[in-house]
Amino acid sequence: EKVHICIQLTALELKIRVHDDGTGFGENAEEMTKAFRQQNAKDSLNHTGLGMYISRLYCEKHGGHLLLENNENNGASVTAVFSRIV
């Protein structure tokens, strides 16, 4: 029901974090960032699973990385981390 976006900028890095209060990730992060993954077979929508894959690719193309994790109190977090040091 709720989605939060947090942006953190330090001298060393930029972090963009999106987290929600849903059910979280059912698979490990490695699997979630592959192309054409469908997490919830009960979902009435047809997912192609490209969202996390494309996000990971864009992060890597810009020298960053993507972190996927389940929150302690339900929900999931996706964090894009970019180094500010060139």
N, C-alpha and C. Protein backbone atom coordinates (compact mmCIF):
# COMPACT_ATOMS: atom_id res chain seq x y z
N GLU A 1 0.81 -1.20 0.00
CA GLU A 1 0.00 0.00 0.00
C GLU A 1 0.85 1.26 0.00
N LYS A 2 2.00 1.21 0.62
CA LYS A 2 2.86 2.40 0.71
C LYS A 2 4.20 2.15 0.03
N VAL A 3 4.67 3.17 -0.68
CA VAL A 3 5.98 3.13 -1.31
C VAL A 3 6.73 4.38 -0.88
N HIS A 4 7.97 4.21 -0.45
CA HIS A 4 8.79 5.33 -0.02
C HIS A 4 10.04 5.40 -0.90
N ILE A 5 10.48 6.61 -1.19
CA ILE A 5 11.70 6.83 -1.95
C ILE A 5 12.63 7.68 -1.10
N CYS A 6 13.85 7.19 -0.91
CA CYS A 6 14.85 7.91 -0.12
C CYS A 6 16.08 8.15 -1.00
N ILE A 7 16.60 9.37 -0.95
CA ILE A 7 17.81 9.70 -1.69
C ILE A 7 18.84 10.17 -0.68
N GLN A 8 20.02 9.55 -0.73
CA GLN A 8 21.09 9.88 0.20
C GLN A 8 22.34 10.21 -0.61
N LEU A 9 22.89 11.38 -0.35
CA LEU A 9 24.09 11.82 -1.05
C LEU A 9 25.18 12.10 -0.02
N THR A 10 26.31 11.42 -0.17
CA THR A 10 27.47 11.68 0.69
C THR A 10 28.63 12.09 -0.20
N ALA A 11 29.76 12.34 0.40
CA ALA A 11 30.94 12.71 -0.38
C ALA A 11 31.41 11.55 -1.27
N LEU A 12 31.05 10.31 -0.89
CA LEU A 12 31.54 9.15 -1.61
C LEU A 12 30.53 8.50 -2.55
N GLU A 13 29.22 8.62 -2.23
CA GLU A 13 28.26 7.91 -3.05
C GLU A 13 26.88 8.54 -3.04
N LEU A 14 26.10 8.12 -4.04
CA LEU A 14 24.69 8.47 -4.16
C LEU A 14 23.89 7.18 -4.04
N LYS A 15 22.90 7.17 -3.14
CA LYS A 15 22.02 6.01 -2.99
C LYS A 15 20.58 6.45 -3.24
N ILE A 16 19.89 5.71 -4.08
CA ILE A 16 18.47 5.93 -4.33
C ILE A 16 17.77 4.64 -3.91
N ARG A 17 16.93 4.75 -2.88
CA ARG A 17 16.29 3.57 -2.32
C ARG A 17 14.77 3.68 -2.45
N VAL A 18 14.15 2.63 -2.96
CA VAL A 18 12.70 2.54 -3.04
C VAL A 18 12.29 1.33 -2.20
N HIS A 19 11.39 1.55 -1.24
CA HIS A 19 10.94 0.42 -0.43
C HIS A 19 9.44 0.50 -0.22
N ASP A 20 8.85 -0.68 0.00
CA ASP A 20 7.40 -0.77 0.14
C ASP A 20 7.03 -1.64 1.33
N ASP A 21 5.74 -1.81 1.54
CA ASP A 21 5.26 -2.62 2.67
C ASP A 21 4.55 -3.88 2.18
N GLY A 22 4.95 -4.37 1.02
CA GLY A 22 4.32 -5.55 0.42
C GLY A 22 4.84 -6.85 1.01
N THR A 23 4.81 -7.90 0.21
CA THR A 23 5.20 -9.23 0.67
C THR A 23 6.69 -9.50 0.59
N GLY A 24 7.43 -8.64 -0.06
CA GLY A 24 8.87 -8.83 -0.20
C GLY A 24 9.21 -9.71 -1.39
N PHE A 25 10.51 -10.01 -1.52
CA PHE A 25 10.99 -10.84 -2.62
C PHE A 25 10.94 -12.30 -2.21
N GLY A 26 10.43 -13.14 -3.08
CA GLY A 26 10.37 -14.57 -2.81
C GLY A 26 11.60 -15.31 -3.31
N GLU A 27 12.41 -14.67 -4.13
CA GLU A 27 13.61 -15.29 -4.69
C GLU A 27 14.83 -14.49 -4.24
N ASN A 28 16.01 -15.05 -4.48
CA ASN A 28 17.21 -14.30 -4.13
C ASN A 28 17.45 -13.19 -5.15
N ALA A 29 18.26 -12.24 -4.78
CA ALA A 29 18.49 -11.06 -5.62
C ALA A 29 19.08 -11.42 -6.97
N GLU A 30 19.94 -12.42 -7.01
CA GLU A 30 20.55 -12.84 -8.28
C GLU A 30 19.48 -13.26 -9.28
N GLU A 31 18.49 -14.01 -8.83
CA GLU A 31 17.42 -14.47 -9.71
C GLU A 31 16.49 -13.33 -10.12
N MET A 32 16.23 -12.39 -9.22
CA MET A 32 15.30 -11.30 -9.50
C MET A 32 15.82 -10.34 -10.56
N THR A 33 17.13 -10.28 -10.77
CA THR A 33 17.68 -9.34 -11.73
C THR A 33 17.99 -9.99 -13.08
N LYS A 34 17.57 -11.23 -13.26
CA LYS A 34 17.69 -11.88 -14.57
C LYS A 34 16.49 -11.51 -15.43
N ALA A 35 16.67 -11.58 -16.73
CA ALA A 35 15.59 -11.23 -17.66
C ALA A 35 14.49 -12.29 -17.63
N PHE A 36 13.26 -11.83 -17.79
CA PHE A 36 12.09 -12.68 -17.94
C PHE A 36 11.79 -13.57 -16.74
N ARG A 37 11.84 -12.99 -15.55
CA ARG A 37 11.48 -13.71 -14.34
C ARG A 37 10.07 -13.31 -13.94
N GLN A 38 9.29 -14.26 -13.47
CA GLN A 38 7.95 -13.99 -12.95
C GLN A 38 7.91 -14.52 -11.53
N GLN A 39 7.76 -13.63 -10.56
CA GLN A 39 7.84 -14.04 -9.16
C GLN A 39 6.57 -14.69 -8.67
N ASN A 40 5.41 -14.11 -8.95
CA ASN A 40 4.17 -14.55 -8.35
C ASN A 40 3.26 -15.17 -9.41
N ALA A 41 3.18 -16.49 -9.44
CA ALA A 41 2.35 -17.16 -10.44
C ALA A 41 0.86 -16.91 -10.22
N LYS A 42 0.45 -16.53 -9.02
CA LYS A 42 -0.95 -16.27 -8.72
C LYS A 42 -1.39 -14.89 -9.19
N ASP A 43 -0.44 -14.04 -9.52
CA ASP A 43 -0.72 -12.68 -9.98
C ASP A 43 -1.45 -12.76 -11.32
N SER A 44 -2.51 -11.98 -11.47
CA SER A 44 -3.28 -12.02 -12.70
C SER A 44 -2.60 -11.27 -13.84
N LEU A 45 -1.55 -10.51 -13.55
CA LEU A 45 -0.83 -9.78 -14.59
C LEU A 45 0.27 -10.66 -15.18
N ASN A 46 0.55 -10.48 -16.45
CA ASN A 46 1.65 -11.19 -17.08
C ASN A 46 2.91 -10.34 -16.97
N HIS A 47 3.83 -10.74 -16.12
CA HIS A 47 5.07 -9.99 -15.93
C HIS A 47 6.14 -10.54 -16.86
N THR A 48 6.90 -9.66 -17.46
CA THR A 48 8.02 -10.12 -18.27
C THR A 48 9.30 -10.14 -17.45
N GLY A 49 9.30 -9.50 -16.30
CA GLY A 49 10.46 -9.56 -15.43
C GLY A 49 11.63 -8.73 -15.91
N LEU A 50 11.41 -7.78 -16.77
CA LEU A 50 12.52 -6.98 -17.28
C LEU A 50 12.86 -5.77 -16.41
N GLY A 51 11.98 -5.37 -15.52
CA GLY A 51 12.21 -4.16 -14.72
C GLY A 51 13.48 -4.19 -13.89
N MET A 52 13.66 -5.22 -13.09
CA MET A 52 14.86 -5.34 -12.24
C MET A 52 16.09 -5.60 -13.09
N TYR A 53 15.92 -6.35 -14.17
CA TYR A 53 17.03 -6.63 -15.08
C TYR A 53 17.55 -5.34 -15.71
N ILE A 54 16.65 -4.53 -16.24
CA ILE A 54 17.03 -3.26 -16.87
C ILE A 54 17.62 -2.31 -15.83
N SER A 55 17.04 -2.27 -14.65
CA SER A 55 17.57 -1.41 -13.58
C SER A 55 19.00 -1.80 -13.23
N ARG A 56 19.25 -3.10 -13.10
CA ARG A 56 20.60 -3.57 -12.80
C ARG A 56 21.57 -3.18 -13.91
N LEU A 57 21.16 -3.36 -15.18
CA LEU A 57 22.03 -3.01 -16.30
C LEU A 57 22.37 -1.52 -16.31
N TYR A 58 21.36 -0.65 -16.09
CA TYR A 58 21.62 0.79 -16.07
C TYR A 58 22.56 1.17 -14.92
N CYS A 59 22.37 0.57 -13.76
CA CYS A 59 23.27 0.85 -12.64
C CYS A 59 24.69 0.46 -13.00
N GLU A 60 24.87 -0.72 -13.54
CA GLU A 60 26.20 -1.20 -13.89
C GLU A 60 26.83 -0.36 -14.99
N LYS A 61 26.03 0.09 -15.97
CA LYS A 61 26.56 0.92 -17.06
C LYS A 61 27.09 2.25 -16.55
N HIS A 62 26.56 2.70 -15.41
CA HIS A 62 26.98 3.97 -14.82
C HIS A 62 27.90 3.76 -13.62
N GLY A 63 28.52 2.59 -13.53
CA GLY A 63 29.50 2.33 -12.49
C GLY A 63 28.91 2.00 -11.13
N GLY A 64 27.64 1.71 -11.06
CA GLY A 64 27.00 1.42 -9.79
C GLY A 64 26.57 -0.02 -9.68
N HIS A 65 25.75 -0.28 -8.68
CA HIS A 65 25.19 -1.61 -8.51
C HIS A 65 23.81 -1.51 -7.88
N LEU A 66 23.06 -2.58 -7.98
CA LEU A 66 21.68 -2.63 -7.50
C LEU A 66 21.60 -3.63 -6.35
N LEU A 67 21.01 -3.19 -5.24
CA LEU A 67 20.83 -4.06 -4.07
C LEU A 67 19.35 -4.36 -3.91
N LEU A 68 18.99 -5.61 -3.78
CA LEU A 68 17.61 -6.03 -3.53
C LEU A 68 17.58 -6.78 -2.21
N GLU A 69 16.65 -6.41 -1.35
CA GLU A 69 16.56 -7.08 -0.06
C GLU A 69 15.15 -7.00 0.50
N ASN A 70 14.83 -7.94 1.37
CA ASN A 70 13.57 -7.91 2.08
C ASN A 70 13.73 -7.08 3.35
N ASN A 71 12.71 -6.31 3.68
CA ASN A 71 12.72 -5.50 4.89
C ASN A 71 12.40 -6.38 6.09
N GLU A 72 12.84 -5.98 7.27
CA GLU A 72 12.59 -6.74 8.49
C GLU A 72 11.10 -6.86 8.81
N ASN A 73 10.34 -5.81 8.59
CA ASN A 73 8.92 -5.79 8.97
C ASN A 73 7.98 -5.92 7.79
N ASN A 74 8.33 -6.68 6.76
CA ASN A 74 7.57 -6.86 5.52
C ASN A 74 8.05 -5.89 4.46
N GLY A 75 7.75 -6.23 3.25
CA GLY A 75 8.10 -5.38 2.13
C GLY A 75 9.49 -5.66 1.59
N ALA A 76 9.84 -4.92 0.57
CA ALA A 76 11.12 -5.08 -0.10
C ALA A 76 11.76 -3.72 -0.32
N SER A 77 13.07 -3.74 -0.50
CA SER A 77 13.84 -2.54 -0.80
C SER A 77 14.70 -2.79 -2.03
N VAL A 78 14.75 -1.79 -2.90
CA VAL A 78 15.64 -1.80 -4.05
C VAL A 78 16.47 -0.53 -3.95
N THR A 79 17.79 -0.69 -3.91
CA THR A 79 18.69 0.45 -3.76
C THR A 79 19.68 0.49 -4.90
N ALA A 80 19.75 1.62 -5.59
CA ALA A 80 20.76 1.86 -6.61
C ALA A 80 21.88 2.65 -5.96
N VAL A 81 23.11 2.16 -6.07
CA VAL A 81 24.26 2.80 -5.42
C VAL A 81 25.26 3.18 -6.49
N PHE A 82 25.66 4.46 -6.47
CA PHE A 82 26.63 4.98 -7.43
C PHE A 82 27.76 5.68 -6.70
N SER A 83 28.99 5.40 -7.11
CA SER A 83 30.15 6.05 -6.53
C SER A 83 30.29 7.45 -7.09
N ARG A 84 30.66 8.41 -6.24
CA ARG A 84 30.89 9.78 -6.69
C ARG A 84 32.35 10.02 -7.02
N ILE A 85 33.18 9.03 -6.77
CA ILE A 85 34.62 9.15 -7.06
C ILE A 85 34.86 8.63 -8.45
N VAL A 86 35.47 9.43 -9.28
CA VAL A 86 35.73 9.05 -10.67
C VAL A 86 37.18 8.67 -10.83
